[in-house]
Amino acid sequence: MAKYGKKAQSTVRSAMKRRKKGTLRSGSGAKVTSRKQAIAIGLSEARQKGAKVPSKKTPSKTRAKKSARRKPTKRMAKRSKKTARAKR
């Protein structure tokens, strides 16, 4: 089953066209140049229209993903070195 409906696709397509034309604006009124931001605006508009679009991810889910892909700090690196030495 498709995640996005036809109405959502057309809304995102129109947002992308407005971005290329230079008329797409963000909530603050600034001109949108980012492709990803244009897609996000299109999906948001589609949600408002009632199109079939998955709901936004909750902050707790995104926070968990960020912590999983975070680079190790110096402190974490030292710990891993110590445990590696202890295992030898």
PDB file of N, CA and C in Angstrom:
ATOM      1  N   MET A   1       0.837  -1.177   0.000  1.00  0.00           N
ATOM      2  CA  MET A   1       0.000   0.000   0.000  1.00  0.00           C
ATOM      3  C   MET A   1       0.886   1.246   0.000  1.00  0.00           C
ATOM      4  N   ALA A   2       0.500   2.234  -0.758  1.00  0.00           N
ATOM      5  CA  ALA A   2       1.307   3.446  -0.915  1.00  0.00           C
ATOM      6  C   ALA A   2       1.267   4.307   0.352  1.00  0.00           C
ATOM      7  N   LYS A   3       2.410   4.916   0.662  1.00  0.00           N
ATOM      8  CA  LYS A   3       2.470   5.801   1.823  1.00  0.00           C
ATOM      9  C   LYS A   3       1.801   7.137   1.536  1.00  0.00           C
ATOM     10  N   TYR A   4       1.978   7.642   0.312  1.00  0.00           N
ATOM     11  CA  TYR A   4       1.492   8.963  -0.054  1.00  0.00           C
ATOM     12  C   TYR A   4       0.406   8.847  -1.120  1.00  0.00           C
ATOM     13  N   GLY A   5      -0.621   9.679  -1.013  1.00  0.00           N
ATOM     14  CA  GLY A   5      -1.700   9.681  -1.982  1.00  0.00           C
ATOM     15  C   GLY A   5      -1.374  10.577  -3.172  1.00  0.00           C
ATOM     16  N   LYS A   6      -2.221  10.535  -4.188  1.00  0.00           N
ATOM     17  CA  LYS A   6      -2.031  11.343  -5.403  1.00  0.00           C
ATOM     18  C   LYS A   6      -2.106  12.833  -5.099  1.00  0.00           C
ATOM     19  N   LYS A   7      -3.011  13.203  -4.191  1.00  0.00           N
ATOM     20  CA  LYS A   7      -3.168  14.614  -3.828  1.00  0.00           C
ATOM     21  C   LYS A   7      -1.889  15.143  -3.162  1.00  0.00           C
ATOM     22  N   ALA A   8      -1.258  14.302  -2.346  1.00  0.00           N
ATOM     23  CA  ALA A   8      -0.011  14.691  -1.689  1.00  0.00           C
ATOM     24  C   ALA A   8       1.093  14.876  -2.723  1.00  0.00           C
ATOM     25  N   GLN A   9       1.137  13.976  -3.708  1.00  0.00           N
ATOM     26  CA  GLN A   9       2.155  14.079  -4.757  1.00  0.00           C
ATOM     27  C   GLN A   9       2.007  15.371  -5.535  1.00  0.00           C
ATOM     28  N   SER A  10       0.766  15.727  -5.871  1.00  0.00           N
ATOM     29  CA  SER A  10       0.558  16.950  -6.651  1.00  0.00           C
ATOM     30  C   SER A  10       0.882  18.191  -5.833  1.00  0.00           C
ATOM     31  N   THR A  11       0.619  18.153  -4.526  1.00  0.00           N
ATOM     32  CA  THR A  11       0.928  19.294  -3.658  1.00  0.00           C
ATOM     33  C   THR A  11       2.433  19.495  -3.547  1.00  0.00           C
ATOM     34  N   VAL A  12       3.162  18.410  -3.391  1.00  0.00           N
ATOM     35  CA  VAL A  12       4.627  18.502  -3.307  1.00  0.00           C
ATOM     36  C   VAL A  12       5.191  18.956  -4.653  1.00  0.00           C
ATOM     37  N   ARG A  13       4.626  18.442  -5.736  1.00  0.00           N
ATOM     38  CA  ARG A  13       5.078  18.841  -7.074  1.00  0.00           C
ATOM     39  C   ARG A  13       4.894  20.351  -7.277  1.00  0.00           C
ATOM     40  N   SER A  14       3.751  20.876  -6.836  1.00  0.00           N
ATOM     41  CA  SER A  14       3.507  22.312  -7.007  1.00  0.00           C
ATOM     42  C   SER A  14       4.455  23.139  -6.135  1.00  0.00           C
ATOM     43  N   ALA A  15       4.789  22.643  -4.941  1.00  0.00           N
ATOM     44  CA  ALA A  15       5.739  23.337  -4.075  1.00  0.00           C
ATOM     45  C   ALA A  15       7.128  23.368  -4.715  1.00  0.00           C
ATOM     46  N   MET A  16       7.508  22.255  -5.354  1.00  0.00           N
ATOM     47  CA  MET A  16       8.810  22.201  -6.027  1.00  0.00           C
ATOM     48  C   MET A  16       8.855  23.182  -7.198  1.00  0.00           C
ATOM     49  N   LYS A  17       7.737  23.280  -7.930  1.00  0.00           N
ATOM     50  CA  LYS A  17       7.683  24.214  -9.057  1.00  0.00           C
ATOM     51  C   LYS A  17       7.777  25.651  -8.565  1.00  0.00           C
ATOM     52  N   ARG A  18       7.082  25.937  -7.451  1.00  0.00           N
ATOM     53  CA  ARG A  18       7.151  27.289  -6.888  1.00  0.00           C
ATOM     54  C   ARG A  18       8.561  27.614  -6.403  1.00  0.00           C
ATOM     55  N   ARG A  19       9.277  26.591  -5.884  1.00  0.00           N
ATOM     56  CA  ARG A  19      10.660  26.815  -5.452  1.00  0.00           C
ATOM     57  C   ARG A  19      11.535  27.176  -6.649  1.00  0.00           C
ATOM     58  N   LYS A  20      11.386  26.427  -7.746  1.00  0.00           N
ATOM     59  CA  LYS A  20      12.184  26.694  -8.949  1.00  0.00           C
ATOM     60  C   LYS A  20      11.865  28.066  -9.523  1.00  0.00           C
ATOM     61  N   LYS A  21      10.590  28.438  -9.441  1.00  0.00           N
ATOM     62  CA  LYS A  21      10.157  29.741  -9.944  1.00  0.00           C
ATOM     63  C   LYS A  21      10.631  30.876  -9.035  1.00  0.00           C
ATOM     64  N   GLY A  22      10.841  30.555  -7.747  1.00  0.00           N
ATOM     65  CA  GLY A  22      11.332  31.541  -6.786  1.00  0.00           C
ATOM     66  C   GLY A  22      10.229  32.200  -5.983  1.00  0.00           C
ATOM     67  N   THR A  23       9.031  31.615  -5.975  1.00  0.00           N
ATOM     68  CA  THR A  23       7.916  32.211  -5.247  1.00  0.00           C
ATOM     69  C   THR A  23       7.558  31.461  -3.969  1.00  0.00           C
ATOM     70  N   LEU A  24       8.231  30.363  -3.691  1.00  0.00           N
ATOM     71  CA  LEU A  24       7.938  29.593  -2.482  1.00  0.00           C
ATOM     72  C   LEU A  24       8.584  30.284  -1.289  1.00  0.00           C
ATOM     73  N   ARG A  25       7.789  30.499  -0.246  1.00  0.00           N
ATOM     74  CA  ARG A  25       8.266  31.180   0.959  1.00  0.00           C
ATOM     75  C   ARG A  25       8.067  30.283   2.170  1.00  0.00           C
ATOM     76  N   SER A  26       8.954  30.423   3.144  1.00  0.00           N
ATOM     77  CA  SER A  26       8.829  29.656   4.379  1.00  0.00           C
ATOM     78  C   SER A  26       7.869  30.390   5.315  1.00  0.00           C
ATOM     79  N   GLY A  27       7.656  29.852   6.485  1.00  0.00           N
ATOM     80  CA  GLY A  27       6.750  30.465   7.451  1.00  0.00           C
ATOM     81  C   GLY A  27       7.183  31.849   7.882  1.00  0.00           C
ATOM     82  N   SER A  28       8.493  32.090   7.909  1.00  0.00           N
ATOM     83  CA  SER A  28       9.004  33.395   8.326  1.00  0.00           C
ATOM     84  C   SER A  28       8.975  34.409   7.183  1.00  0.00           C
ATOM     85  N   GLY A  29       8.680  33.940   5.978  1.00  0.00           N
ATOM     86  CA  GLY A  29       8.614  34.839   4.827  1.00  0.00           C
ATOM     87  C   GLY A  29       9.876  34.836   3.980  1.00  0.00           C
ATOM     88  N   ALA A  30      10.875  34.050   4.378  1.00  0.00           N
ATOM     89  CA  ALA A  30      12.124  33.974   3.618  1.00  0.00           C
ATOM     90  C   ALA A  30      11.958  33.082   2.400  1.00  0.00           C
ATOM     91  N   LYS A  31      12.687  33.395   1.343  1.00  0.00           N
ATOM     92  CA  LYS A  31      12.615  32.598   0.120  1.00  0.00           C
ATOM     93  C   LYS A  31      13.237  31.225   0.363  1.00  0.00           C
ATOM     94  N   VAL A  32      12.575  30.195  -0.120  1.00  0.00           N
ATOM     95  CA  VAL A  32      13.057  28.823   0.057  1.00  0.00           C
ATOM     96  C   VAL A  32      13.906  28.438  -1.148  1.00  0.00           C
ATOM     97  N   THR A  33      15.143  28.005  -0.881  1.00  0.00           N
ATOM     98  CA  THR A  33      16.033  27.554  -1.953  1.00  0.00           C
ATOM     99  C   THR A  33      16.375  26.078  -1.798  1.00  0.00           C
ATOM    100  N   SER A  34      16.175  25.542  -0.607  1.00  0.00           N
ATOM    101  CA  SER A  34      16.518  24.154  -0.324  1.00  0.00           C
ATOM    102  C   SER A  34      15.460  23.205  -0.874  1.00  0.00           C
ATOM    103  N   ARG A  35      15.903  22.149  -1.539  1.00  0.00           N
ATOM    104  CA  ARG A  35      15.007  21.141  -2.100  1.00  0.00           C
ATOM    105  C   ARG A  35      14.265  20.412  -0.985  1.00  0.00           C
ATOM    106  N   LYS A  36      14.991  20.052   0.070  1.00  0.00           N
ATOM    107  CA  LYS A  36      14.395  19.324   1.180  1.00  0.00           C
ATOM    108  C   LYS A  36      13.334  20.163   1.893  1.00  0.00           C
ATOM    109  N   GLN A  37      13.617  21.456   2.041  1.00  0.00           N
ATOM    110  CA  GLN A  37      12.658  22.331   2.700  1.00  0.00           C
ATOM    111  C   GLN A  37      11.388  22.475   1.854  1.00  0.00           C
ATOM    112  N   ALA A  38      11.559  22.517   0.538  1.00  0.00           N
ATOM    113  CA  ALA A  38      10.409  22.617  -0.363  1.00  0.00           C
ATOM    114  C   ALA A  38       9.524  21.375  -0.247  1.00  0.00           C
ATOM    115  N   ILE A  39      10.142  20.212  -0.143  1.00  0.00           N
ATOM    116  CA  ILE A  39       9.392  18.968   0.022  1.00  0.00           C
ATOM    117  C   ILE A  39       8.637  18.982   1.346  1.00  0.00           C
ATOM    118  N   ALA A  40       9.313  19.439   2.399  1.00  0.00           N
ATOM    119  CA  ALA A  40       8.682  19.502   3.719  1.00  0.00           C
ATOM    120  C   ALA A  40       7.479  20.445   3.702  1.00  0.00           C
ATOM    121  N   ILE A  41       7.607  21.574   3.036  1.00  0.00           N
ATOM    122  CA  ILE A  41       6.496  22.523   2.936  1.00  0.00           C
ATOM    123  C   ILE A  41       5.346  21.902   2.150  1.00  0.00           C
ATOM    124  N   GLY A  42       5.668  21.213   1.064  1.00  0.00           N
ATOM    125  CA  GLY A  42       4.650  20.555   0.257  1.00  0.00           C
ATOM    126  C   GLY A  42       3.889  19.498   1.043  1.00  0.00           C
ATOM    127  N   LEU A  43       4.611  18.701   1.838  1.00  0.00           N
ATOM    128  CA  LEU A  43       3.964  17.674   2.656  1.00  0.00           C
ATOM    129  C   LEU A  43       3.096  18.301   3.740  1.00  0.00           C
ATOM    130  N   SER A  44       3.578  19.388   4.310  1.00  0.00           N
ATOM    131  CA  SER A  44       2.805  20.084   5.339  1.00  0.00           C
ATOM    132  C   SER A  44       1.503  20.633   4.753  1.00  0.00           C
ATOM    133  N   GLU A  45       1.586  21.221   3.561  1.00  0.00           N
ATOM    134  CA  GLU A  45       0.392  21.741   2.888  1.00  0.00           C
ATOM    135  C   GLU A  45      -0.570  20.595   2.560  1.00  0.00           C
ATOM    136  N   ALA A  46      -0.024  19.452   2.152  1.00  0.00           N
ATOM    137  CA  ALA A  46      -0.857  18.298   1.829  1.00  0.00           C
ATOM    138  C   ALA A  46      -1.582  17.801   3.074  1.00  0.00           C
ATOM    139  N   ARG A  47      -0.898  17.795   4.233  1.00  0.00           N
ATOM    140  CA  ARG A  47      -1.533  17.383   5.485  1.00  0.00           C
ATOM    141  C   ARG A  47      -2.704  18.306   5.814  1.00  0.00           C
ATOM    142  N   GLN A  48      -2.492  19.617   5.616  1.00  0.00           N
ATOM    143  CA  GLN A  48      -3.546  20.594   5.905  1.00  0.00           C
ATOM    144  C   GLN A  48      -4.757  20.375   5.002  1.00  0.00           C
ATOM    145  N   LYS A  49      -4.506  19.961   3.752  1.00  0.00           N
ATOM    146  CA  LYS A  49      -5.597  19.717   2.810  1.00  0.00           C
ATOM    147  C   LYS A  49      -6.306  18.389   3.078  1.00  0.00           C
ATOM    148  N   GLY A  50      -5.705  17.558   3.910  1.00  0.00           N
ATOM    149  CA  GLY A  50      -6.320  16.278   4.243  1.00  0.00           C
ATOM    150  C   GLY A  50      -5.884  15.142   3.344  1.00  0.00           C
ATOM    151  N   ALA A  51      -4.770  15.305   2.639  1.00  0.00           N
ATOM    152  CA  ALA A  51      -4.272  14.254   1.761  1.00  0.00           C
ATOM    153  C   ALA A  51      -3.667  13.122   2.583  1.00  0.00           C
ATOM    154  N   LYS A  52      -3.458  11.986   1.932  1.00  0.00           N
ATOM    155  CA  LYS A  52      -2.885  10.822   2.603  1.00  0.00           C
ATOM    156  C   LYS A  52      -1.371  10.995   2.705  1.00  0.00           C
ATOM    157  N   VAL A  53      -0.941  11.405   3.894  1.00  0.00           N
ATOM    158  CA  VAL A  53       0.482  11.640   4.170  1.00  0.00           C
ATOM    159  C   VAL A  53       0.766  11.061   5.548  1.00  0.00           C
ATOM    160  N   PRO A  54       1.874  10.327   5.729  1.00  0.00           N
ATOM    161  CA  PRO A  54       2.199   9.828   7.063  1.00  0.00           C
ATOM    162  C   PRO A  54       2.405  10.985   8.038  1.00  0.00           C
ATOM    163  N   SER A  55       2.068  10.773   9.290  1.00  0.00           N
ATOM    164  CA  SER A  55       2.226  11.828  10.287  1.00  0.00           C
ATOM    165  C   SER A  55       3.704  12.086  10.539  1.00  0.00           C
ATOM    166  N   LYS A  56       3.983  13.279  11.064  1.00  0.00           N
ATOM    167  CA  LYS A  56       5.369  13.638  11.363  1.00  0.00           C
ATOM    168  C   LYS A  56       5.893  12.745  12.476  1.00  0.00           C
ATOM    169  N   LYS A  57       7.204  12.525  12.486  1.00  0.00           N
ATOM    170  CA  LYS A  57       7.817  11.729  13.548  1.00  0.00           C
ATOM    171  C   LYS A  57       7.802  12.545  14.836  1.00  0.00           C
ATOM    172  N   THR A  58       7.582  11.873  15.952  1.00  0.00           N
ATOM    173  CA  THR A  58       7.554  12.565  17.236  1.00  0.00           C
ATOM    174  C   THR A  58       8.985  12.871  17.672  1.00  0.00           C
ATOM    175  N   PRO A  59       9.178  13.906  18.481  1.00  0.00           N
ATOM    176  CA  PRO A  59      10.533  14.274  18.912  1.00  0.00           C
ATOM    177  C   PRO A  59      11.287  13.146  19.613  1.00  0.00           C
ATOM    178  N   SER A  60      10.585  12.286  20.341  1.00  0.00           N
ATOM    179  CA  SER A  60      11.276  11.211  21.051  1.00  0.00           C
ATOM    180  C   SER A  60      11.916  10.227  20.078  1.00  0.00           C
ATOM    181  N   LYS A  61      11.267   9.971  18.932  1.00  0.00           N
ATOM    182  CA  LYS A  61      11.829   9.052  17.936  1.00  0.00           C
ATOM    183  C   LYS A  61      13.048   9.667  17.264  1.00  0.00           C
ATOM    184  N   THR A  62      12.976  10.958  16.940  1.00  0.00           N
ATOM    185  CA  THR A  62      14.104  11.596  16.263  1.00  0.00           C
ATOM    186  C   THR A  62      15.279  11.732  17.227  1.00  0.00           C
ATOM    187  N   ARG A  63      14.992  11.964  18.499  1.00  0.00           N
ATOM    188  CA  ARG A  63      16.060  12.097  19.487  1.00  0.00           C
ATOM    189  C   ARG A  63      16.810  10.777  19.633  1.00  0.00           C
ATOM    190  N   ALA A  64      16.084   9.677  19.607  1.00  0.00           N
ATOM    191  CA  ALA A  64      16.699   8.355  19.737  1.00  0.00           C
ATOM    192  C   ALA A  64      17.602   8.069  18.536  1.00  0.00           C
ATOM    193  N   LYS A  65      17.168   8.463  17.338  1.00  0.00           N
ATOM    194  CA  LYS A  65      17.983   8.246  16.155  1.00  0.00           C
ATOM    195  C   LYS A  65      19.250   9.087  16.196  1.00  0.00           C
ATOM    196  N   LYS A  66      19.123  10.344  16.658  1.00  0.00           N
ATOM    197  CA  LYS A  66      20.287  11.224  16.724  1.00  0.00           C
ATOM    198  C   LYS A  66      21.341  10.676  17.678  1.00  0.00           C
ATOM    199  N   SER A  67      20.901  10.177  18.828  1.00  0.00           N
ATOM    200  CA  SER A  67      21.855   9.658  19.798  1.00  0.00           C
ATOM    201  C   SER A  67      22.532   8.395  19.268  1.00  0.00           C
ATOM    202  N   ALA A  68      21.846   7.644  18.440  1.00  0.00           N
ATOM    203  CA  ALA A  68      22.418   6.412  17.886  1.00  0.00           C
ATOM    204  C   ALA A  68      23.508   6.709  16.866  1.00  0.00           C
ATOM    205  N   ARG A  69      23.367   7.808  16.120  1.00  0.00           N
ATOM    206  CA  ARG A  69      24.360   8.099  15.088  1.00  0.00           C
ATOM    207  C   ARG A  69      25.362   9.178  15.491  1.00  0.00           C
ATOM    208  N   ARG A  70      25.330   9.558  16.768  1.00  0.00           N
ATOM    209  CA  ARG A  70      26.230  10.595  17.259  1.00  0.00           C
ATOM    210  C   ARG A  70      27.671  10.097  17.244  1.00  0.00           C
ATOM    211  N   LYS A  71      28.603  10.987  16.922  1.00  0.00           N
ATOM    212  CA  LYS A  71      30.014  10.623  16.902  1.00  0.00           C
ATOM    213  C   LYS A  71      30.511  10.440  18.337  1.00  0.00           C
ATOM    214  N   PRO A  72      31.412   9.502  18.553  1.00  0.00           N
ATOM    215  CA  PRO A  72      31.913   9.298  19.907  1.00  0.00           C
ATOM    216  C   PRO A  72      32.749  10.484  20.382  1.00  0.00           C
ATOM    217  N   THR A  73      32.598  10.861  21.638  1.00  0.00           N
ATOM    218  CA  THR A  73      33.367  11.962  22.208  1.00  0.00           C
ATOM    219  C   THR A  73      34.733  11.450  22.636  1.00  0.00           C
ATOM    220  N   LYS A  74      35.606  12.362  23.051  1.00  0.00           N
ATOM    221  CA  LYS A  74      36.948  11.966  23.509  1.00  0.00           C
ATOM    222  C   LYS A  74      36.842  11.037  24.710  1.00  0.00           C
ATOM    223  N   ARG A  75      35.894  11.357  25.578  1.00  0.00           N
ATOM    224  CA  ARG A  75      35.711  10.558  26.778  1.00  0.00           C
ATOM    225  C   ARG A  75      35.291   9.130  26.419  1.00  0.00           C
ATOM    226  N   MET A  76      34.384   9.018  25.467  1.00  0.00           N
ATOM    227  CA  MET A  76      33.928   7.697  25.040  1.00  0.00           C
ATOM    228  C   MET A  76      35.062   6.932  24.356  1.00  0.00           C
ATOM    229  N   ALA A  77      35.911   7.634  23.619  1.00  0.00           N
ATOM    230  CA  ALA A  77      37.024   6.990  22.937  1.00  0.00           C
ATOM    231  C   ALA A  77      38.024   6.435  23.943  1.00  0.00           C
ATOM    232  N   LYS A  78      38.286   7.198  25.009  1.00  0.00           N
ATOM    233  CA  LYS A  78      39.212   6.740  26.052  1.00  0.00           C
ATOM    234  C   LYS A  78      38.689   5.468  26.721  1.00  0.00           C
ATOM    235  N   ARG A  79      37.388   5.454  26.989  1.00  0.00           N
ATOM    236  CA  ARG A  79      36.788   4.283  27.623  1.00  0.00           C
ATOM    237  C   ARG A  79      36.938   3.046  26.753  1.00  0.00           C
ATOM    238  N   SER A  80      36.693   3.208  25.456  1.00  0.00           N
ATOM    239  CA  SER A  80      36.779   2.054  24.572  1.00  0.00           C
ATOM    240  C   SER A  80      38.219   1.557  24.462  1.00  0.00           C
ATOM    241  N   LYS A  81      39.206   2.467  24.511  1.00  0.00           N
ATOM    242  CA  LYS A  81      40.609   2.059  24.489  1.00  0.00           C
ATOM    243  C   LYS A  81      40.972   1.262  25.736  1.00  0.00           C
ATOM    244  N   LYS A  82      40.472   1.730  26.887  1.00  0.00           N
ATOM    245  CA  LYS A  82      40.761   1.042  28.152  1.00  0.00           C
ATOM    246  C   LYS A  82      40.186  -0.359  28.151  1.00  0.00           C
ATOM    247  N   THR A  83      38.965  -0.498  27.666  1.00  0.00           N
ATOM    248  CA  THR A  83      38.339  -1.827  27.656  1.00  0.00           C
ATOM    249  C   THR A  83      39.042  -2.740  26.669  1.00  0.00           C
ATOM    250  N   ALA A  84      39.563  -2.182  25.581  1.00  0.00           N
ATOM    251  CA  ALA A  84      40.272  -2.993  24.592  1.00  0.00           C
ATOM    252  C   ALA A  84      41.579  -3.515  25.193  1.00  0.00           C
ATOM    253  N   ARG A  85      42.249  -2.669  25.979  1.00  0.00           N
ATOM    254  CA  ARG A  85      43.503  -3.086  26.613  1.00  0.00           C
ATOM    255  C   ARG A  85      43.234  -4.159  27.666  1.00  0.00           C
ATOM    256  N   ALA A  86      42.160  -3.986  28.410  1.00  0.00           N
ATOM    257  CA  ALA A  86      41.831  -4.926  29.479  1.00  0.00           C
ATOM    258  C   ALA A  86      41.490  -6.308  28.913  1.00  0.00           C
ATOM    259  N   LYS A  87      40.950  -6.368  27.729  1.00  0.00           N
ATOM    260  CA  LYS A  87      40.575  -7.645  27.122  1.00  0.00           C
ATOM    261  C   LYS A  87      41.769  -8.420  26.623  1.00  0.00           C
ATOM    262  N   ARG A  88      42.881  -7.734  26.373  1.00  0.00           N
ATOM    263  CA  ARG A  88      44.078  -8.422  25.854  1.00  0.00           C
ATOM    264  C   ARG A  88      44.718  -9.265  26.872  1.00  0.00           C
TER     265      ARG A  88
END
